[in-house]
Amino acid sequence: MVGFRIDEEMWGEHRFEPEHGDAERRRMGFCVTWGADNVRQYLDPRDQGFLACDLEGTVTVEGLCEEAPCTGRLELRYFKDHTIRYTLEFEVDDVPYRYVGEKMHIYPWNLPWSHTTCFGRLKRADTGELISTSLTHFKLRDAPAFLASLRLA
């Protein structure tokens, strides 16, 4: 059984909703490691985990947390709805948060844009209350480091 791991970083900005802070743009990003324990299962369209895997790392939401440990899921939803979805779960001062970010409109003709731009929403995980919205990016100049981080697991 052969698996893989790869490291990914995305950085950009977020804005708090009015009831949670000022409208100023603030730094936001995450550094995660994702991958599958079994490549054959990961690539099998009949499997429930098709192109989906767990992730772990850290998330920074300026004004809320700095490098908070997170866990979650990455779903490559190319065939379902042409998206890539990152779901990060983390806690700050015993308050649970859930970030869902999506790279959208993924088609062969727009891969440089669609694979680098992620639209996110940060909510309290216990109430569903929207805390902030974000726009993060995978920088193309980071592609060599991203690819070099690929390792068998």
C-alpha atoms as a PDB file:
ATOM      1  CA  MET A   1       0.000   0.000   0.000  1.00  0.00           C
ATOM      2  CA  VAL A   2       1.650   3.244  -1.194  1.00  0.00           C
ATOM      3  CA  GLY A   3       0.520   6.650  -0.070  1.00  0.00           C
ATOM      4  CA  PHE A   4       1.770  10.209  -0.414  1.00  0.00           C
ATOM      5  CA  ARG A   5       2.024  13.505   1.462  1.00  0.00           C
ATOM      6  CA  ILE A   6       2.474  17.022   0.131  1.00  0.00           C
ATOM      7  CA  ASP A   7       2.811  20.422   1.818  1.00  0.00           C
ATOM      8  CA  GLU A   8       0.770  23.417   0.699  1.00  0.00           C
ATOM      9  CA  GLU A   9       0.669  27.058   1.754  1.00  0.00           C
ATOM     10  CA  MET A  10      -1.903  29.655   0.841  1.00  0.00           C
ATOM     11  CA  TRP A  11      -1.836  33.286   1.995  1.00  0.00           C
ATOM     12  CA  GLY A  12      -3.989  36.321   1.466  1.00  0.00           C
ATOM     13  CA  GLU A  13      -6.459  38.511   3.311  1.00  0.00           C
ATOM     14  CA  HIS A  14      -9.649  38.285   5.312  1.00  0.00           C
ATOM     15  CA  ARG A  15     -12.183  40.751   6.639  1.00  0.00           C
ATOM     16  CA  PHE A  16     -14.157  40.327   9.811  1.00  0.00           C
ATOM     17  CA  GLU A  17     -17.910  40.624   9.644  1.00  0.00           C
ATOM     18  CA  PRO A  18     -19.001  43.975  11.190  1.00  0.00           C
ATOM     19  CA  GLU A  19     -20.041  42.463  14.523  1.00  0.00           C
ATOM     20  CA  HIS A  20     -16.626  40.788  14.933  1.00  0.00           C
ATOM     21  CA  GLY A  21     -14.190  43.580  14.114  1.00  0.00           C
ATOM     22  CA  ASP A  22     -13.396  46.483  11.866  1.00  0.00           C
ATOM     23  CA  ALA A  23     -13.602  46.275   8.069  1.00  0.00           C
ATOM     24  CA  GLU A  24      -9.834  46.467   7.666  1.00  0.00           C
ATOM     25  CA  ARG A  25      -8.168  43.796   5.536  1.00  0.00           C
ATOM     26  CA  ARG A  26      -6.026  41.476   7.609  1.00  0.00           C
ATOM     27  CA  ARG A  27      -3.555  38.687   6.856  1.00  0.00           C
ATOM     28  CA  MET A  28      -4.887  35.146   6.614  1.00  0.00           C
ATOM     29  CA  GLY A  29      -3.367  31.875   5.516  1.00  0.00           C
ATOM     30  CA  PHE A  30      -2.760  28.259   6.189  1.00  0.00           C
ATOM     31  CA  CYS A  31       0.119  25.788   5.931  1.00  0.00           C
ATOM     32  CA  VAL A  32      -1.086  22.212   5.687  1.00  0.00           C
ATOM     33  CA  THR A  33       0.111  18.743   4.822  1.00  0.00           C
ATOM     34  CA  TRP A  34      -2.332  16.545   2.953  1.00  0.00           C
ATOM     35  CA  GLY A  35      -2.238  13.198   1.254  1.00  0.00           C
ATOM     36  CA  ALA A  36      -3.560   9.681   1.126  1.00  0.00           C
ATOM     37  CA  ASP A  37      -2.419   6.489   2.823  1.00  0.00           C
ATOM     38  CA  ASN A  38      -3.474   4.404  -0.174  1.00  0.00           C
ATOM     39  CA  VAL A  39      -3.067   5.933  -3.642  1.00  0.00           C
ATOM     40  CA  ARG A  40      -5.086   3.202  -5.332  1.00  0.00           C
ATOM     41  CA  GLN A  41      -8.069   3.857  -3.070  1.00  0.00           C
ATOM     42  CA  TYR A  42      -7.634   7.652  -3.408  1.00  0.00           C
ATOM     43  CA  LEU A  43      -7.795   7.402  -7.208  1.00  0.00           C
ATOM     44  CA  ASP A  44     -10.662   4.885  -7.351  1.00  0.00           C
ATOM     45  CA  PRO A  45     -13.878   6.660  -8.482  1.00  0.00           C
ATOM     46  CA  ARG A  46     -15.938   3.867  -6.899  1.00  0.00           C
ATOM     47  CA  ASP A  47     -14.479   4.611  -3.466  1.00  0.00           C
ATOM     48  CA  GLN A  48     -16.219   6.998  -1.072  1.00  0.00           C
ATOM     49  CA  GLY A  49     -12.882   8.759  -0.485  1.00  0.00           C
ATOM     50  CA  PHE A  50     -12.242   9.396  -4.186  1.00  0.00           C
ATOM     51  CA  LEU A  51      -9.850  12.365  -4.484  1.00  0.00           C
ATOM     52  CA  ALA A  52     -10.411  13.304  -0.827  1.00  0.00           C
ATOM     53  CA  CYS A  53      -7.972  13.133   2.065  1.00  0.00           C
ATOM     54  CA  ASP A  54      -7.287  14.399   5.554  1.00  0.00           C
ATOM     55  CA  LEU A  55      -5.007  17.326   6.260  1.00  0.00           C
ATOM     56  CA  GLU A  56      -3.294  18.910   9.222  1.00  0.00           C
ATOM     57  CA  GLY A  57      -1.210  21.978   9.831  1.00  0.00           C
ATOM     58  CA  THR A  58      -1.652  25.533  11.062  1.00  0.00           C
ATOM     59  CA  VAL A  59      -3.929  28.452  10.260  1.00  0.00           C
ATOM     60  CA  THR A  60      -3.368  32.168  10.824  1.00  0.00           C
ATOM     61  CA  VAL A  61      -6.288  34.591  10.963  1.00  0.00           C
ATOM     62  CA  GLU A  62      -4.907  37.995  11.947  1.00  0.00           C
ATOM     63  CA  GLY A  63      -6.933  39.392  14.816  1.00  0.00           C
ATOM     64  CA  LEU A  64      -8.027  35.901  15.892  1.00  0.00           C
ATOM     65  CA  CYS A  65      -5.078  33.473  15.903  1.00  0.00           C
ATOM     66  CA  GLU A  66      -1.496  32.963  14.817  1.00  0.00           C
ATOM     67  CA  GLU A  67      -0.446  29.490  13.607  1.00  0.00           C
ATOM     68  CA  ALA A  68      -3.289  27.693  15.401  1.00  0.00           C
ATOM     69  CA  PRO A  69      -3.106  23.920  14.939  1.00  0.00           C
ATOM     70  CA  CYS A  70      -5.785  22.662  12.557  1.00  0.00           C
ATOM     71  CA  THR A  71      -7.071  19.429  11.094  1.00  0.00           C
ATOM     72  CA  GLY A  72      -9.482  18.913   8.266  1.00  0.00           C
ATOM     73  CA  ARG A  73     -10.133  17.618   4.805  1.00  0.00           C
ATOM     74  CA  LEU A  74      -9.161  18.384   1.220  1.00  0.00           C
ATOM     75  CA  GLU A  75     -11.567  17.352  -1.527  1.00  0.00           C
ATOM     76  CA  LEU A  76     -10.631  17.549  -5.204  1.00  0.00           C
ATOM     77  CA  ARG A  77     -14.163  17.880  -6.581  1.00  0.00           C
ATOM     78  CA  TYR A  78     -13.177  18.201 -10.241  1.00  0.00           C
ATOM     79  CA  PHE A  79     -15.888  15.886 -11.521  1.00  0.00           C
ATOM     80  CA  LYS A  80     -18.614  16.814  -9.024  1.00  0.00           C
ATOM     81  CA  ASP A  81     -18.752  20.622  -9.189  1.00  0.00           C
ATOM     82  CA  HIS A  82     -15.374  21.781 -10.607  1.00  0.00           C
ATOM     83  CA  THR A  83     -14.009  22.867  -7.216  1.00  0.00           C
ATOM     84  CA  ILE A  84     -11.307  22.083  -4.709  1.00  0.00           C
ATOM     85  CA  ARG A  85     -12.551  22.377  -1.119  1.00  0.00           C
ATOM     86  CA  TYR A  86     -10.433  22.875   1.999  1.00  0.00           C
ATOM     87  CA  THR A  87     -12.159  22.362   5.337  1.00  0.00           C
ATOM     88  CA  LEU A  88     -10.098  23.351   8.387  1.00  0.00           C
ATOM     89  CA  GLU A  89     -11.191  22.815  11.986  1.00  0.00           C
ATOM     90  CA  PHE A  90      -9.430  24.621  14.829  1.00  0.00           C
ATOM     91  CA  GLU A  91     -10.015  26.171  18.262  1.00  0.00           C
ATOM     92  CA  VAL A  92      -9.130  29.537  19.738  1.00  0.00           C
ATOM     93  CA  ASP A  93      -9.746  30.063  23.468  1.00  0.00           C
ATOM     94  CA  ASP A  94     -11.995  26.967  23.585  1.00  0.00           C
ATOM     95  CA  VAL A  95     -14.164  28.299  20.733  1.00  0.00           C
ATOM     96  CA  PRO A  96     -14.397  25.909  17.760  1.00  0.00           C
ATOM     97  CA  TYR A  97     -14.034  27.345  14.257  1.00  0.00           C
ATOM     98  CA  ARG A  98     -14.500  25.905  10.788  1.00  0.00           C
ATOM     99  CA  TYR A  99     -12.973  27.416   7.674  1.00  0.00           C
ATOM    100  CA  VAL A 100     -14.230  26.288   4.283  1.00  0.00           C
ATOM    101  CA  GLY A 101     -12.286  27.563   1.297  1.00  0.00           C
ATOM    102  CA  GLU A 102     -12.953  26.737  -2.325  1.00  0.00           C
ATOM    103  CA  LYS A 103     -11.028  27.039  -5.524  1.00  0.00           C
ATOM    104  CA  MET A 104     -13.841  27.339  -8.035  1.00  0.00           C
ATOM    105  CA  HIS A 105     -14.661  27.075 -11.747  1.00  0.00           C
ATOM    106  CA  ILE A 106     -11.865  24.610 -12.435  1.00  0.00           C
ATOM    107  CA  TYR A 107     -11.624  23.891 -16.145  1.00  0.00           C
ATOM    108  CA  PRO A 108      -8.612  23.059 -18.344  1.00  0.00           C
ATOM    109  CA  TRP A 109      -8.515  26.559 -19.878  1.00  0.00           C
ATOM    110  CA  ASN A 110      -8.253  28.468 -16.576  1.00  0.00           C
ATOM    111  CA  LEU A 111      -6.021  26.295 -14.386  1.00  0.00           C
ATOM    112  CA  PRO A 112      -3.487  29.058 -13.541  1.00  0.00           C
ATOM    113  CA  TRP A 113      -6.312  31.116 -12.013  1.00  0.00           C
ATOM    114  CA  SER A 114      -8.629  28.417 -10.684  1.00  0.00           C
ATOM    115  CA  HIS A 115      -5.888  26.430  -8.940  1.00  0.00           C
ATOM    116  CA  THR A 116      -4.385  29.496  -7.262  1.00  0.00           C
ATOM    117  CA  THR A 117      -7.379  31.475  -5.941  1.00  0.00           C
ATOM    118  CA  CYS A 118      -9.354  30.308  -2.907  1.00  0.00           C
ATOM    119  CA  PHE A 119     -12.521  31.964  -1.596  1.00  0.00           C
ATOM    120  CA  GLY A 120     -13.138  31.247   2.081  1.00  0.00           C
ATOM    121  CA  ARG A 121     -15.645  31.631   4.875  1.00  0.00           C
ATOM    122  CA  LEU A 122     -14.751  31.304   8.540  1.00  0.00           C
ATOM    123  CA  LYS A 123     -17.587  30.366  10.896  1.00  0.00           C
ATOM    124  CA  ARG A 124     -17.989  29.342  14.484  1.00  0.00           C
ATOM    125  CA  ALA A 125     -18.316  25.568  14.283  1.00  0.00           C
ATOM    126  CA  ASP A 126     -20.792  25.379  17.161  1.00  0.00           C
ATOM    127  CA  THR A 127     -23.263  28.055  15.990  1.00  0.00           C
ATOM    128  CA  GLY A 128     -22.578  28.484  12.264  1.00  0.00           C
ATOM    129  CA  GLU A 129     -22.139  32.230  12.781  1.00  0.00           C
ATOM    130  CA  LEU A 130     -20.077  33.857   9.998  1.00  0.00           C
ATOM    131  CA  ILE A 131     -16.916  35.432  11.431  1.00  0.00           C
ATOM    132  CA  SER A 132     -15.022  36.518   8.305  1.00  0.00           C
ATOM    133  CA  THR A 133     -14.598  36.049   4.573  1.00  0.00           C
ATOM    134  CA  SER A 134     -11.264  35.647   2.831  1.00  0.00           C
ATOM    135  CA  LEU A 135      -9.375  35.470  -0.409  1.00  0.00           C
ATOM    136  CA  THR A 136      -6.151  33.468  -0.329  1.00  0.00           C
ATOM    137  CA  HIS A 137      -3.759  32.470  -3.089  1.00  0.00           C
ATOM    138  CA  PHE A 138      -1.322  29.737  -3.949  1.00  0.00           C
ATOM    139  CA  LYS A 139       1.539  31.610  -5.563  1.00  0.00           C
ATOM    140  CA  LEU A 140       2.835  30.033  -8.784  1.00  0.00           C
ATOM    141  CA  ARG A 141       6.393  30.838  -7.734  1.00  0.00           C
ATOM    142  CA  ASP A 142       5.831  28.375  -4.848  1.00  0.00           C
ATOM    143  CA  ALA A 143       5.017  25.533  -7.268  1.00  0.00           C
ATOM    144  CA  PRO A 144       8.575  24.096  -7.280  1.00  0.00           C
ATOM    145  CA  ALA A 145       8.629  23.889  -3.461  1.00  0.00           C
ATOM    146  CA  PHE A 146       5.109  22.424  -3.465  1.00  0.00           C
ATOM    147  CA  LEU A 147       6.115  19.710  -5.948  1.00  0.00           C
ATOM    148  CA  ALA A 148       9.425  19.076  -4.145  1.00  0.00           C
ATOM    149  CA  SER A 149       7.505  18.436  -0.903  1.00  0.00           C
ATOM    150  CA  LEU A 150       5.787  15.387  -2.441  1.00  0.00           C
ATOM    151  CA  ARG A 151       6.876  12.252  -0.634  1.00  0.00           C
ATOM    152  CA  LEU A 152       5.772   8.641  -0.391  1.00  0.00           C
ATOM    153  CA  ALA A 153       4.070   7.632   2.803  1.00  0.00           C
END
